[in-house]
Amino acid sequence: MKFSVIIPARYASSRLPGKPLVDIGGAPMIKHVHDRAMQAGAHRVVIATDDQRIRDVAEGFGADVTMTASDHESGSDRLAEVAEILGLDDDEIIVNLQGDEPLMPPQTIRQVAEDLNSHTDADMASLCSPLEHIDDIFDPNVVKTILDKDGYAIYFSRAPAPWHRDSFHDNPTQLPDMDVFYRHIGLYCYRAGFLRQYVSWDPAPLEKIECLEQLRALWNGKRLYCGLAKHPSSGPSVDTEKDLHEVREIYFRSTQK
C-alpha cells in the first residue's frame, strides 16, 4: 500500500501564533510532526503552508514543502490545493496530519491509511479511542464519535453523546460501563478524488453548528469508517500554551527513559 501524508501548517493561529515553529526538546514542532509521518512509511510527506517562515524552517531540515493560498478555511481545503499542485491521481490515499500533532504515533498514521485501503466502500477514514473519564463526555473540547455495528460513523458531536438517559440522570459522576463512548482522534484519510469532491461542497449546517468539518461528509451521505486506534497518542494536540507545556513535559519524560 502506498499513501501520502500532507501536513497543513499555518502560522496565524489565533490561540498560539506561530505554533508550528515553537520549540519542543530543541526542535520546532513541525519537525516532530514530519518525523512521525516519515516513520509511518508514507511514500510522500509534504508540508503545506502559506508562510515563508515555516517553509524556510521545514526546508532547512529536509522536508518537501508546497506553498498554498492563505485564505483556506480548513486543512482539507489546503490539502486539496496540494493535491492539484502535485497532480495526484484520484485513487491516491492521502492522510491529513495536522501540524500540531507532535506526539501522533507513526503506527496510528499508517493505521488510518490501511483502514481506508481495506474499506473500499468508505469515502473517508478516521480513528477514535474509548472514553475513560466522565469529565470527557461533558467536555465540548472532546469530540465524541457515535459508531454503527461495523465501525462507520453515525455522528460526531461536542455534546455528551450518546446520552445515557437513566445513568446520566441518576449518577452523572460515573461513565456507564458500555462500549459506546468514544473520543474522536482528529486524523483524516481520503482518496484524492473524494477530497476534490468534498471541498466543492458548501459547509453543512451541522458542520457550522458543531465546528466539525467531518460532518460535511455525513451530511452529503458519504461513509466514514472510524476505526479504534491501536496506538492512541500519548498527549494532546497543541492548541494552547497549556497544551504546549504538557507536550514538552511528555517529550522530556520520554527522553529520560
C-alpha atoms as a PDB file:
ATOM      1  CA  MET A   1       0.000   0.000   0.000  1.00  0.00           C
ATOM      2  CA  LYS A   2       1.240   3.452  -0.931  1.00  0.00           C
ATOM      3  CA  PHE A   3      -0.032   6.589   0.720  1.00  0.00           C
ATOM      4  CA  SER A   4       0.903  10.236   1.078  1.00  0.00           C
ATOM      5  CA  VAL A   5       0.889  12.344   4.210  1.00  0.00           C
ATOM      6  CA  ILE A   6       0.184  16.058   3.819  1.00  0.00           C
ATOM      7  CA  ILE A   7       0.745  18.252   6.866  1.00  0.00           C
ATOM      8  CA  PRO A   8      -1.162  21.572   6.823  1.00  0.00           C
ATOM      9  CA  ALA A   9       0.751  24.138   8.877  1.00  0.00           C
ATOM     10  CA  ARG A  10      -0.496  27.684   9.477  1.00  0.00           C
ATOM     11  CA  TYR A  11       1.493  30.392  11.224  1.00  0.00           C
ATOM     12  CA  ALA A  12      -1.503  32.580  12.098  1.00  0.00           C
ATOM     13  CA  SER A  13      -3.091  30.503  14.850  1.00  0.00           C
ATOM     14  CA  SER A  14      -5.434  32.680  16.943  1.00  0.00           C
ATOM     15  CA  ARG A  15      -4.655  30.952  20.255  1.00  0.00           C
ATOM     16  CA  LEU A  16      -0.958  30.231  19.726  1.00  0.00           C
ATOM     17  CA  PRO A  17       0.560  32.309  16.904  1.00  0.00           C
ATOM     18  CA  GLY A  18       3.498  30.693  15.133  1.00  0.00           C
ATOM     19  CA  LYS A  19       2.857  27.347  16.783  1.00  0.00           C
ATOM     20  CA  PRO A  20       4.398  25.142  14.039  1.00  0.00           C
ATOM     21  CA  LEU A  21       7.743  26.715  14.969  1.00  0.00           C
ATOM     22  CA  VAL A  22       7.515  26.503  18.767  1.00  0.00           C
ATOM     23  CA  ASP A  23      10.380  24.617  20.356  1.00  0.00           C
ATOM     24  CA  ILE A  24       9.888  21.114  21.743  1.00  0.00           C
ATOM     25  CA  GLY A  25      13.037  19.465  23.014  1.00  0.00           C
ATOM     26  CA  GLY A  26      15.336  21.570  20.859  1.00  0.00           C
ATOM     27  CA  ALA A  27      13.444  21.201  17.567  1.00  0.00           C
ATOM     28  CA  PRO A  28      10.457  23.026  16.046  1.00  0.00           C
ATOM     29  CA  MET A  29       7.124  21.273  16.471  1.00  0.00           C
ATOM     30  CA  ILE A  30       6.682  20.888  12.720  1.00  0.00           C
ATOM     31  CA  LYS A  31       9.838  18.768  12.590  1.00  0.00           C
ATOM     32  CA  HIS A  32       8.450  16.389  15.219  1.00  0.00           C
ATOM     33  CA  VAL A  33       5.254  16.019  13.175  1.00  0.00           C
ATOM     34  CA  HIS A  34       7.225  15.487   9.972  1.00  0.00           C
ATOM     35  CA  ASP A  35       9.413  12.853  11.646  1.00  0.00           C
ATOM     36  CA  ARG A  36       6.308  10.926  12.756  1.00  0.00           C
ATOM     37  CA  ALA A  37       4.948  10.964   9.208  1.00  0.00           C
ATOM     38  CA  MET A  38       8.245   9.722   7.766  1.00  0.00           C
ATOM     39  CA  GLN A  39       8.350   6.909  10.327  1.00  0.00           C
ATOM     40  CA  ALA A  40       4.841   5.815   9.272  1.00  0.00           C
ATOM     41  CA  GLY A  41       6.169   4.561   5.956  1.00  0.00           C
ATOM     42  CA  ALA A  42       4.472   7.080   3.673  1.00  0.00           C
ATOM     43  CA  HIS A  43       5.946   7.228   0.188  1.00  0.00           C
ATOM     44  CA  ARG A  44       5.444  11.012   0.132  1.00  0.00           C
ATOM     45  CA  VAL A  45       5.365  13.529   3.005  1.00  0.00           C
ATOM     46  CA  VAL A  46       4.596  17.159   2.187  1.00  0.00           C
ATOM     47  CA  ILE A  47       4.239  20.180   4.458  1.00  0.00           C
ATOM     48  CA  ALA A  48       1.577  22.546   3.141  1.00  0.00           C
ATOM     49  CA  THR A  49       1.901  26.125   4.341  1.00  0.00           C
ATOM     50  CA  ASP A  50       1.195  29.715   3.377  1.00  0.00           C
ATOM     51  CA  ASP A  51       4.040  31.184   5.419  1.00  0.00           C
ATOM     52  CA  GLN A  52       7.617  31.691   4.259  1.00  0.00           C
ATOM     53  CA  ARG A  53       8.980  31.328   7.796  1.00  0.00           C
ATOM     54  CA  ILE A  54       7.568  27.821   8.069  1.00  0.00           C
ATOM     55  CA  ARG A  55       8.833  26.987   4.595  1.00  0.00           C
ATOM     56  CA  ASP A  56      12.358  28.120   5.426  1.00  0.00           C
ATOM     57  CA  VAL A  57      12.498  26.071   8.634  1.00  0.00           C
ATOM     58  CA  ALA A  58      10.954  22.982   7.047  1.00  0.00           C
ATOM     59  CA  GLU A  59      13.248  23.012   4.039  1.00  0.00           C
ATOM     60  CA  GLY A  60      16.117  23.523   6.468  1.00  0.00           C
ATOM     61  CA  PHE A  61      15.543  20.068   7.940  1.00  0.00           C
ATOM     62  CA  GLY A  62      14.981  18.493   4.520  1.00  0.00           C
ATOM     63  CA  ALA A  63      11.200  18.459   4.197  1.00  0.00           C
ATOM     64  CA  ASP A  64       9.266  18.798   0.955  1.00  0.00           C
ATOM     65  CA  VAL A  65       7.158  21.960   1.141  1.00  0.00           C
ATOM     66  CA  THR A  66       4.286  23.176  -1.027  1.00  0.00           C
ATOM     67  CA  MET A  67       3.165  26.789  -0.705  1.00  0.00           C
ATOM     68  CA  THR A  68      -0.595  27.300  -0.701  1.00  0.00           C
ATOM     69  CA  ALA A  69      -3.082  30.153  -0.618  1.00  0.00           C
ATOM     70  CA  SER A  70      -3.551  31.991   2.675  1.00  0.00           C
ATOM     71  CA  ASP A  71      -7.369  32.142   2.616  1.00  0.00           C
ATOM     72  CA  HIS A  72      -8.245  28.471   3.119  1.00  0.00           C
ATOM     73  CA  GLU A  73     -10.971  27.893   5.698  1.00  0.00           C
ATOM     74  CA  SER A  74      -9.861  24.371   6.632  1.00  0.00           C
ATOM     75  CA  GLY A  75      -6.965  21.970   6.425  1.00  0.00           C
ATOM     76  CA  SER A  76      -8.910  19.925   3.878  1.00  0.00           C
ATOM     77  CA  ASP A  77      -9.050  22.917   1.527  1.00  0.00           C
ATOM     78  CA  ARG A  78      -5.291  23.322   1.858  1.00  0.00           C
ATOM     79  CA  LEU A  79      -4.793  19.608   1.126  1.00  0.00           C
ATOM     80  CA  ALA A  80      -6.986  19.809  -1.952  1.00  0.00           C
ATOM     81  CA  GLU A  81      -4.811  22.599  -3.357  1.00  0.00           C
ATOM     82  CA  VAL A  82      -1.691  20.493  -2.760  1.00  0.00           C
ATOM     83  CA  ALA A  83      -3.339  17.518  -4.488  1.00  0.00           C
ATOM     84  CA  GLU A  84      -3.936  19.726  -7.531  1.00  0.00           C
ATOM     85  CA  ILE A  85      -0.419  21.185  -7.500  1.00  0.00           C
ATOM     86  CA  LEU A  86       1.116  17.698  -7.284  1.00  0.00           C
ATOM     87  CA  GLY A  87      -1.319  16.228  -9.818  1.00  0.00           C
ATOM     88  CA  LEU A  88      -2.301  13.324  -7.570  1.00  0.00           C
ATOM     89  CA  ASP A  89      -4.395  10.548  -9.114  1.00  0.00           C
ATOM     90  CA  ASP A  90      -7.979  10.205  -7.886  1.00  0.00           C
ATOM     91  CA  ASP A  91      -7.225   6.910  -6.129  1.00  0.00           C
ATOM     92  CA  GLU A  92      -4.170   8.233  -4.241  1.00  0.00           C
ATOM     93  CA  ILE A  93      -4.625   7.766  -0.482  1.00  0.00           C
ATOM     94  CA  ILE A  94      -3.901  10.952   1.478  1.00  0.00           C
ATOM     95  CA  VAL A  95      -3.551  11.263   5.236  1.00  0.00           C
ATOM     96  CA  ASN A  96      -4.297  14.691   6.667  1.00  0.00           C
ATOM     97  CA  LEU A  97      -1.900  15.007   9.628  1.00  0.00           C
ATOM     98  CA  GLN A  98      -2.323  18.312  11.416  1.00  0.00           C
ATOM     99  CA  GLY A  99       0.855  20.284  12.074  1.00  0.00           C
ATOM    100  CA  ASP A 100       0.050  20.500  15.795  1.00  0.00           C
ATOM    101  CA  GLU A 101       0.221  16.725  16.470  1.00  0.00           C
ATOM    102  CA  PRO A 102       3.859  16.178  17.528  1.00  0.00           C
ATOM    103  CA  LEU A 103       3.008  13.068  19.579  1.00  0.00           C
ATOM    104  CA  MET A 104       0.921  11.237  16.973  1.00  0.00           C
ATOM    105  CA  PRO A 105       2.293   7.660  16.815  1.00  0.00           C
ATOM    106  CA  PRO A 106       3.606   6.617  13.378  1.00  0.00           C
ATOM    107  CA  GLN A 107       1.632   3.363  13.708  1.00  0.00           C
ATOM    108  CA  THR A 108      -1.572   5.377  14.047  1.00  0.00           C
ATOM    109  CA  ILE A 109      -0.829   7.407  10.925  1.00  0.00           C
ATOM    110  CA  ARG A 110      -0.287   4.188   8.997  1.00  0.00           C
ATOM    111  CA  GLN A 111      -3.371   2.560  10.513  1.00  0.00           C
ATOM    112  CA  VAL A 112      -5.777   5.195   9.205  1.00  0.00           C
ATOM    113  CA  ALA A 113      -4.331   4.754   5.683  1.00  0.00           C
ATOM    114  CA  GLU A 114      -4.615   0.971   5.947  1.00  0.00           C
ATOM    115  CA  ASP A 115      -8.206   1.290   7.183  1.00  0.00           C
ATOM    116  CA  LEU A 116      -9.229   3.318   4.153  1.00  0.00           C
ATOM    117  CA  ASN A 117      -7.358   0.973   1.833  1.00  0.00           C
ATOM    118  CA  SER A 118      -9.145  -2.082   3.260  1.00  0.00           C
ATOM    119  CA  HIS A 119     -12.618  -0.500   3.412  1.00  0.00           C
ATOM    120  CA  THR A 120     -13.272   0.154  -0.249  1.00  0.00           C
ATOM    121  CA  ASP A 121     -16.844   1.292   0.434  1.00  0.00           C
ATOM    122  CA  ALA A 122     -15.633   4.089   2.722  1.00  0.00           C
ATOM    123  CA  ASP A 123     -15.179   7.604   1.361  1.00  0.00           C
ATOM    124  CA  MET A 124     -13.110   8.711   4.362  1.00  0.00           C
ATOM    125  CA  ALA A 125     -11.393   7.129   7.336  1.00  0.00           C
ATOM    126  CA  SER A 126     -10.580   8.409  10.777  1.00  0.00           C
ATOM    127  CA  LEU A 127      -9.903   6.978  14.245  1.00  0.00           C
ATOM    128  CA  CYS A 128     -11.284   7.004  17.754  1.00  0.00           C
ATOM    129  CA  SER A 129     -10.490   5.612  21.189  1.00  0.00           C
ATOM    130  CA  PRO A 130     -12.661   4.640  24.171  1.00  0.00           C
ATOM    131  CA  LEU A 131     -13.626   7.397  26.563  1.00  0.00           C
ATOM    132  CA  GLU A 132     -12.469   6.559  30.070  1.00  0.00           C
ATOM    133  CA  HIS A 133     -13.435   9.562  32.207  1.00  0.00           C
ATOM    134  CA  ILE A 134     -16.854  11.044  32.891  1.00  0.00           C
ATOM    135  CA  ASP A 135     -15.475  14.584  32.622  1.00  0.00           C
ATOM    136  CA  ASP A 136     -14.584  13.956  28.971  1.00  0.00           C
ATOM    137  CA  ILE A 137     -18.134  13.142  27.963  1.00  0.00           C
ATOM    138  CA  PHE A 138     -19.252  16.591  29.157  1.00  0.00           C
ATOM    139  CA  ASP A 139     -16.221  18.463  27.780  1.00  0.00           C
ATOM    140  CA  PRO A 140     -17.067  20.251  24.486  1.00  0.00           C
ATOM    141  CA  ASN A 141     -13.383  20.193  23.524  1.00  0.00           C
ATOM    142  CA  VAL A 142     -13.521  16.391  23.457  1.00  0.00           C
ATOM    143  CA  VAL A 143     -15.300  15.367  20.265  1.00  0.00           C
ATOM    144  CA  LYS A 144     -17.488  12.315  20.683  1.00  0.00           C
ATOM    145  CA  THR A 145     -17.947   9.684  17.976  1.00  0.00           C
ATOM    146  CA  ILE A 146     -21.039   7.519  17.578  1.00  0.00           C
ATOM    147  CA  LEU A 147     -20.469   4.350  15.537  1.00  0.00           C
ATOM    148  CA  ASP A 148     -22.650   1.726  13.918  1.00  0.00           C
ATOM    149  CA  LYS A 149     -22.036  -2.001  14.386  1.00  0.00           C
ATOM    150  CA  ASP A 150     -19.493  -2.081  11.539  1.00  0.00           C
ATOM    151  CA  GLY A 151     -17.407   0.858  12.755  1.00  0.00           C
ATOM    152  CA  TYR A 152     -18.830   3.513  10.435  1.00  0.00           C
ATOM    153  CA  ALA A 153     -19.553   6.934  11.902  1.00  0.00           C
ATOM    154  CA  ILE A 154     -23.180   7.821  12.549  1.00  0.00           C
ATOM    155  CA  TYR A 155     -22.419  11.233  14.050  1.00  0.00           C
ATOM    156  CA  PHE A 156     -19.780  13.386  15.736  1.00  0.00           C
ATOM    157  CA  SER A 157     -20.599  15.894  18.448  1.00  0.00           C
ATOM    158  CA  ARG A 158     -19.120  18.162  21.079  1.00  0.00           C
ATOM    159  CA  ALA A 159     -22.166  17.456  23.226  1.00  0.00           C
ATOM    160  CA  PRO A 160     -22.405  14.404  25.519  1.00  0.00           C
ATOM    161  CA  ALA A 161     -23.201  11.593  23.086  1.00  0.00           C
ATOM    162  CA  PRO A 162     -24.733   9.154  23.237  1.00  0.00           C
ATOM    163  CA  TRP A 163     -26.826  10.471  26.105  1.00  0.00           C
ATOM    164  CA  HIS A 164     -27.437   7.663  28.586  1.00  0.00           C
ATOM    165  CA  ARG A 165     -30.835   8.807  29.824  1.00  0.00           C
ATOM    166  CA  ASP A 166     -31.024   6.817  33.060  1.00  0.00           C
ATOM    167  CA  SER A 167     -27.372   6.759  34.079  1.00  0.00           C
ATOM    168  CA  PHE A 168     -26.633  10.432  33.452  1.00  0.00           C
ATOM    169  CA  HIS A 169     -29.830  11.443  35.194  1.00  0.00           C
ATOM    170  CA  ASP A 170     -29.240   9.262  38.271  1.00  0.00           C
ATOM    171  CA  ASN A 171     -25.439   9.369  38.540  1.00  0.00           C
ATOM    172  CA  PRO A 172     -23.747  11.979  36.319  1.00  0.00           C
ATOM    173  CA  THR A 173     -20.399  11.357  38.039  1.00  0.00           C
ATOM    174  CA  GLN A 174     -19.716   7.926  36.579  1.00  0.00           C
ATOM    175  CA  LEU A 175     -19.291   6.806  32.969  1.00  0.00           C
ATOM    176  CA  PRO A 176     -21.525   3.801  32.236  1.00  0.00           C
ATOM    177  CA  ASP A 177     -19.644   0.549  31.588  1.00  0.00           C
ATOM    178  CA  MET A 178     -20.665   0.245  27.953  1.00  0.00           C
ATOM    179  CA  ASP A 179     -18.626   0.104  24.722  1.00  0.00           C
ATOM    180  CA  VAL A 180     -20.418   3.017  23.073  1.00  0.00           C
ATOM    181  CA  PHE A 181     -18.475   6.052  24.325  1.00  0.00           C
ATOM    182  CA  TYR A 182     -15.626   7.097  22.034  1.00  0.00           C
ATOM    183  CA  ARG A 183     -13.320  10.081  21.666  1.00  0.00           C
ATOM    184  CA  HIS A 184     -12.617  11.159  18.088  1.00  0.00           C
ATOM    185  CA  ILE A 185      -8.977  11.402  17.043  1.00  0.00           C
ATOM    186  CA  GLY A 186      -8.516  14.252  14.559  1.00  0.00           C
ATOM    187  CA  LEU A 187      -6.671  12.293  11.897  1.00  0.00           C
ATOM    188  CA  TYR A 188      -8.345  12.050   8.483  1.00  0.00           C
ATOM    189  CA  CYS A 189      -7.694   9.987   5.393  1.00  0.00           C
ATOM    190  CA  TYR A 190      -9.257  10.262   1.941  1.00  0.00           C
ATOM    191  CA  ARG A 191      -8.631   9.388  -1.655  1.00  0.00           C
ATOM    192  CA  ALA A 192      -7.673  12.403  -3.726  1.00  0.00           C
ATOM    193  CA  GLY A 193     -10.786  12.115  -5.898  1.00  0.00           C
ATOM    194  CA  PHE A 194     -13.100  12.281  -2.898  1.00  0.00           C
ATOM    195  CA  LEU A 195     -11.097  15.182  -1.433  1.00  0.00           C
ATOM    196  CA  ARG A 196     -11.686  17.160  -4.635  1.00  0.00           C
ATOM    197  CA  GLN A 197     -15.412  16.464  -4.343  1.00  0.00           C
ATOM    198  CA  TYR A 198     -15.517  17.234  -0.632  1.00  0.00           C
ATOM    199  CA  VAL A 199     -14.073  20.749  -0.903  1.00  0.00           C
ATOM    200  CA  SER A 200     -16.536  21.588  -3.702  1.00  0.00           C
ATOM    201  CA  TRP A 201     -19.460  21.291  -1.271  1.00  0.00           C
ATOM    202  CA  ASP A 202     -20.679  24.174   0.842  1.00  0.00           C
ATOM    203  CA  PRO A 203     -20.119  23.792   4.579  1.00  0.00           C
ATOM    204  CA  ALA A 204     -23.019  21.806   6.021  1.00  0.00           C
ATOM    205  CA  PRO A 205     -25.356  23.338   8.634  1.00  0.00           C
ATOM    206  CA  LEU A 206     -24.354  20.721  11.232  1.00  0.00           C
ATOM    207  CA  GLU A 207     -20.698  21.336  10.445  1.00  0.00           C
ATOM    208  CA  LYS A 208     -21.112  25.048  11.134  1.00  0.00           C
ATOM    209  CA  ILE A 209     -23.040  24.438  14.364  1.00  0.00           C
ATOM    210  CA  GLU A 210     -20.558  21.935  15.806  1.00  0.00           C
ATOM    211  CA  CYS A 211     -17.447  23.372  14.085  1.00  0.00           C
ATOM    212  CA  LEU A 212     -16.566  19.854  12.918  1.00  0.00           C
ATOM    213  CA  GLU A 213     -15.720  19.623   9.228  1.00  0.00           C
ATOM    214  CA  GLN A 214     -16.121  15.819   9.043  1.00  0.00           C
ATOM    215  CA  LEU A 215     -19.874  16.337   9.396  1.00  0.00           C
ATOM    216  CA  ARG A 216     -19.863  17.697   5.841  1.00  0.00           C
ATOM    217  CA  ALA A 217     -19.211  14.178   4.553  1.00  0.00           C
ATOM    218  CA  LEU A 218     -22.031  12.633   6.616  1.00  0.00           C
ATOM    219  CA  TRP A 219     -24.410  15.457   5.632  1.00  0.00           C
ATOM    220  CA  ASN A 220     -23.819  14.584   1.983  1.00  0.00           C
ATOM    221  CA  GLY A 221     -24.496  10.883   2.534  1.00  0.00           C
ATOM    222  CA  LYS A 222     -20.879   9.695   2.443  1.00  0.00           C
ATOM    223  CA  ARG A 223     -19.426   6.905   4.570  1.00  0.00           C
ATOM    224  CA  LEU A 224     -16.673   7.496   7.109  1.00  0.00           C
ATOM    225  CA  TYR A 225     -15.006   4.476   8.655  1.00  0.00           C
ATOM    226  CA  CYS A 226     -13.750   5.262  12.146  1.00  0.00           C
ATOM    227  CA  GLY A 227     -11.508   2.507  13.479  1.00  0.00           C
ATOM    228  CA  LEU A 228     -10.327   2.027  17.043  1.00  0.00           C
ATOM    229  CA  ALA A 229      -6.781   3.341  17.305  1.00  0.00           C
ATOM    230  CA  LYS A 230      -4.355   0.580  18.208  1.00  0.00           C
ATOM    231  CA  HIS A 231      -1.785   3.137  19.389  1.00  0.00           C
ATOM    232  CA  PRO A 232      -3.554   6.276  20.687  1.00  0.00           C
ATOM    233  CA  SER A 233      -1.477   9.430  21.042  1.00  0.00           C
ATOM    234  CA  SER A 234       0.318   9.855  24.346  1.00  0.00           C
ATOM    235  CA  GLY A 235      -0.610  13.524  24.574  1.00  0.00           C
ATOM    236  CA  PRO A 236      -2.775  16.343  23.238  1.00  0.00           C
ATOM    237  CA  SER A 237      -2.603  18.307  20.043  1.00  0.00           C
ATOM    238  CA  VAL A 238      -1.076  21.740  20.658  1.00  0.00           C
ATOM    239  CA  ASP A 239      -3.755  24.424  20.622  1.00  0.00           C
ATOM    240  CA  THR A 240      -2.831  26.468  23.706  1.00  0.00           C
ATOM    241  CA  GLU A 241       0.117  27.313  25.935  1.00  0.00           C
ATOM    242  CA  LYS A 242      -1.212  24.735  28.403  1.00  0.00           C
ATOM    243  CA  ASP A 243      -1.114  22.037  25.702  1.00  0.00           C
ATOM    244  CA  LEU A 244       2.406  23.071  24.742  1.00  0.00           C
ATOM    245  CA  HIS A 245       3.599  22.799  28.337  1.00  0.00           C
ATOM    246  CA  GLU A 246       2.054  19.317  28.657  1.00  0.00           C
ATOM    247  CA  VAL A 247       3.605  18.123  25.391  1.00  0.00           C
ATOM    248  CA  ARG A 248       7.021  19.429  26.432  1.00  0.00           C
ATOM    249  CA  GLU A 249       6.718  17.547  29.734  1.00  0.00           C
ATOM    250  CA  ILE A 250       5.726  14.319  27.958  1.00  0.00           C
ATOM    251  CA  TYR A 251       8.564  14.684  25.485  1.00  0.00           C
ATOM    252  CA  PHE A 252      11.080  15.360  28.263  1.00  0.00           C
ATOM    253  CA  ARG A 253       9.958  12.283  30.203  1.00  0.00           C
ATOM    254  CA  SER A 254      10.237  10.131  27.082  1.00  0.00           C
ATOM    255  CA  THR A 255      13.853  11.188  26.553  1.00  0.00           C
ATOM    256  CA  GLN A 256      14.753  10.216  30.141  1.00  0.00           C
ATOM    257  CA  LYS A 257      13.743   6.575  29.736  1.00  0.00           C
END
